[in-house]
Amino acid sequence: MRWLLTMFIALAVLTALQPWLRRLGIGRLPGDVSFRIGGREYSFPFASTVLMTALMFLIGRLI
């Protein structure tokens, strides 16, 4: 139950930070998919997720 709450909070925070993260290049890498349906933009940052996961793993191993 706790992991579900953590995932929901992380998703809400990342969604709110999405415009700022796009300026940094997160979500615009090759392999990231975004499309617009009905005036609403949907984004699936597959490559950015892999990159950020590897980065967090390396930081975790160093600490």
N, C-alpha and C. Protein backbone atom coordinates (compact mmCIF):
# COMPACT_ATOMS: atom_id res chain seq x y z
N MET A 1 0.82 -1.19 0.00
CA MET A 1 0.00 0.00 0.00
C MET A 1 0.87 1.27 0.00
N ARG A 2 1.97 1.22 0.74
CA ARG A 2 2.84 2.39 0.83
C ARG A 2 3.50 2.69 -0.51
N TRP A 3 3.88 1.64 -1.26
CA TRP A 3 4.53 1.86 -2.55
C TRP A 3 3.55 2.49 -3.53
N LEU A 4 2.27 2.15 -3.43
CA LEU A 4 1.27 2.72 -4.32
C LEU A 4 1.13 4.23 -4.06
N LEU A 5 1.13 4.63 -2.82
CA LEU A 5 1.06 6.04 -2.46
C LEU A 5 2.32 6.77 -2.93
N THR A 6 3.47 6.13 -2.78
CA THR A 6 4.73 6.72 -3.23
C THR A 6 4.72 6.92 -4.74
N MET A 7 4.26 5.93 -5.47
CA MET A 7 4.20 6.03 -6.93
C MET A 7 3.22 7.13 -7.37
N PHE A 8 2.11 7.25 -6.70
CA PHE A 8 1.13 8.29 -7.04
C PHE A 8 1.71 9.68 -6.80
N ILE A 9 2.38 9.87 -5.67
CA ILE A 9 2.99 11.17 -5.37
C ILE A 9 4.10 11.49 -6.37
N ALA A 10 4.95 10.49 -6.70
CA ALA A 10 6.03 10.70 -7.67
C ALA A 10 5.46 11.07 -9.03
N LEU A 11 4.40 10.41 -9.45
CA LEU A 11 3.77 10.71 -10.73
C LEU A 11 3.20 12.13 -10.75
N ALA A 12 2.56 12.53 -9.66
CA ALA A 12 2.00 13.89 -9.57
C ALA A 12 3.11 14.94 -9.62
N VAL A 13 4.20 14.71 -8.91
CA VAL A 13 5.31 15.66 -8.90
C VAL A 13 5.96 15.75 -10.27
N LEU A 14 6.22 14.61 -10.90
CA LEU A 14 6.86 14.62 -12.22
C LEU A 14 5.96 15.24 -13.28
N THR A 15 4.67 15.05 -13.17
CA THR A 15 3.74 15.67 -14.11
C THR A 15 3.75 17.18 -13.94
N ALA A 16 3.81 17.64 -12.71
CA ALA A 16 3.86 19.09 -12.46
C ALA A 16 5.18 19.69 -12.94
N LEU A 17 6.26 18.93 -12.88
CA LEU A 17 7.57 19.42 -13.29
C LEU A 17 7.88 19.21 -14.76
N GLN A 18 6.96 18.63 -15.50
CA GLN A 18 7.22 18.28 -16.90
C GLN A 18 7.65 19.46 -17.76
N PRO A 19 7.01 20.64 -17.69
CA PRO A 19 7.50 21.75 -18.53
C PRO A 19 8.94 22.15 -18.20
N TRP A 20 9.30 22.14 -16.94
CA TRP A 20 10.66 22.48 -16.53
C TRP A 20 11.66 21.41 -16.99
N LEU A 21 11.27 20.14 -16.88
CA LEU A 21 12.14 19.05 -17.29
C LEU A 21 12.35 19.05 -18.81
N ARG A 22 11.35 19.47 -19.57
CA ARG A 22 11.50 19.55 -21.03
C ARG A 22 12.56 20.56 -21.43
N ARG A 23 12.66 21.65 -20.67
CA ARG A 23 13.70 22.65 -20.96
C ARG A 23 15.09 22.07 -20.74
N LEU A 24 15.20 21.09 -19.86
CA LEU A 24 16.48 20.42 -19.61
C LEU A 24 16.76 19.31 -20.62
N GLY A 25 15.77 18.97 -21.44
CA GLY A 25 15.95 17.94 -22.46
C GLY A 25 15.33 16.60 -22.08
N ILE A 26 14.80 16.49 -20.87
CA ILE A 26 14.15 15.25 -20.45
C ILE A 26 12.79 15.18 -21.15
N GLY A 27 12.55 14.10 -21.86
CA GLY A 27 11.30 13.95 -22.60
C GLY A 27 11.44 14.28 -24.07
N ARG A 28 12.62 14.69 -24.50
CA ARG A 28 12.84 15.00 -25.91
C ARG A 28 13.96 14.16 -26.52
N LEU A 29 14.33 13.09 -25.87
CA LEU A 29 15.38 12.22 -26.38
C LEU A 29 14.81 11.30 -27.45
N PRO A 30 15.68 10.76 -28.32
CA PRO A 30 15.20 9.76 -29.26
C PRO A 30 14.66 8.55 -28.49
N GLY A 31 13.49 8.12 -28.79
CA GLY A 31 12.87 7.02 -28.07
C GLY A 31 11.75 7.51 -27.15
N ASP A 32 11.66 8.81 -26.94
CA ASP A 32 10.56 9.38 -26.19
C ASP A 32 9.42 9.65 -27.15
N VAL A 33 8.22 9.25 -26.78
CA VAL A 33 7.06 9.38 -27.65
C VAL A 33 6.10 10.39 -27.05
N SER A 34 5.66 11.34 -27.86
CA SER A 34 4.61 12.26 -27.42
C SER A 34 3.68 12.52 -28.58
N PHE A 35 2.41 12.65 -28.26
CA PHE A 35 1.43 12.92 -29.29
C PHE A 35 0.29 13.74 -28.71
N ARG A 36 -0.49 14.34 -29.59
CA ARG A 36 -1.58 15.21 -29.18
C ARG A 36 -2.90 14.62 -29.69
N ILE A 37 -3.85 14.47 -28.76
CA ILE A 37 -5.18 13.98 -29.11
C ILE A 37 -6.20 14.93 -28.47
N GLY A 38 -7.04 15.49 -29.29
CA GLY A 38 -8.10 16.35 -28.77
C GLY A 38 -7.59 17.58 -28.04
N GLY A 39 -6.47 18.13 -28.46
CA GLY A 39 -5.94 19.32 -27.83
C GLY A 39 -5.16 19.05 -26.55
N ARG A 40 -4.99 17.81 -26.19
CA ARG A 40 -4.26 17.45 -24.98
C ARG A 40 -3.02 16.65 -25.38
N GLU A 41 -1.88 16.97 -24.79
CA GLU A 41 -0.64 16.30 -25.15
C GLU A 41 -0.35 15.16 -24.18
N TYR A 42 -0.01 14.01 -24.75
CA TYR A 42 0.36 12.83 -23.97
C TYR A 42 1.82 12.52 -24.26
N SER A 43 2.56 12.21 -23.22
CA SER A 43 3.99 11.96 -23.37
C SER A 43 4.35 10.64 -22.70
N PHE A 44 5.15 9.85 -23.39
CA PHE A 44 5.67 8.60 -22.87
C PHE A 44 7.19 8.62 -23.02
N PRO A 45 7.91 9.12 -22.00
CA PRO A 45 9.37 9.30 -22.11
C PRO A 45 10.14 8.01 -21.81
N PHE A 46 10.11 7.07 -22.73
CA PHE A 46 10.77 5.78 -22.51
C PHE A 46 12.28 5.93 -22.37
N ALA A 47 12.92 6.62 -23.29
CA ALA A 47 14.38 6.77 -23.24
C ALA A 47 14.81 7.61 -22.04
N SER A 48 14.07 8.64 -21.73
CA SER A 48 14.40 9.47 -20.57
C SER A 48 14.28 8.68 -19.27
N THR A 49 13.30 7.79 -19.20
CA THR A 49 13.12 6.97 -18.02
C THR A 49 14.31 6.03 -17.83
N VAL A 50 14.77 5.42 -18.91
CA VAL A 50 15.93 4.53 -18.83
C VAL A 50 17.17 5.31 -18.40
N LEU A 51 17.35 6.49 -18.98
CA LEU A 51 18.50 7.33 -18.63
C LEU A 51 18.45 7.77 -17.16
N MET A 52 17.31 8.21 -16.69
CA MET A 52 17.20 8.65 -15.30
C MET A 52 17.33 7.48 -14.33
N THR A 53 16.84 6.31 -14.70
CA THR A 53 16.99 5.13 -13.85
C THR A 53 18.45 4.75 -13.71
N ALA A 54 19.19 4.77 -14.82
CA ALA A 54 20.62 4.46 -14.76
C ALA A 54 21.38 5.49 -13.93
N LEU A 55 21.01 6.76 -14.07
CA LEU A 55 21.64 7.82 -13.30
C LEU A 55 21.36 7.66 -11.80
N MET A 56 20.13 7.37 -11.44
CA MET A 56 19.78 7.17 -10.03
C MET A 56 20.47 5.93 -9.46
N PHE A 57 20.61 4.89 -10.27
CA PHE A 57 21.30 3.69 -9.84
C PHE A 57 22.77 4.00 -9.53
N LEU A 58 23.42 4.75 -10.43
CA LEU A 58 24.81 5.10 -10.21
C LEU A 58 25.00 5.99 -8.98
N ILE A 59 24.10 6.95 -8.81
CA ILE A 59 24.17 7.81 -7.61
C ILE A 59 23.98 6.97 -6.35
N GLY A 60 23.03 6.06 -6.39
CA GLY A 60 22.77 5.18 -5.25
C GLY A 60 23.98 4.30 -4.92
N ARG A 61 24.67 3.84 -5.92
CA ARG A 61 25.84 2.98 -5.68
C ARG A 61 27.00 3.78 -5.11
N LEU A 62 27.13 5.06 -5.50
CA LEU A 62 28.22 5.89 -5.00
C LEU A 62 28.00 6.35 -3.56
N ILE A 63 26.75 6.47 -3.18
CA ILE A 63 26.45 6.95 -1.83
C ILE A 63 26.46 5.84 -0.86
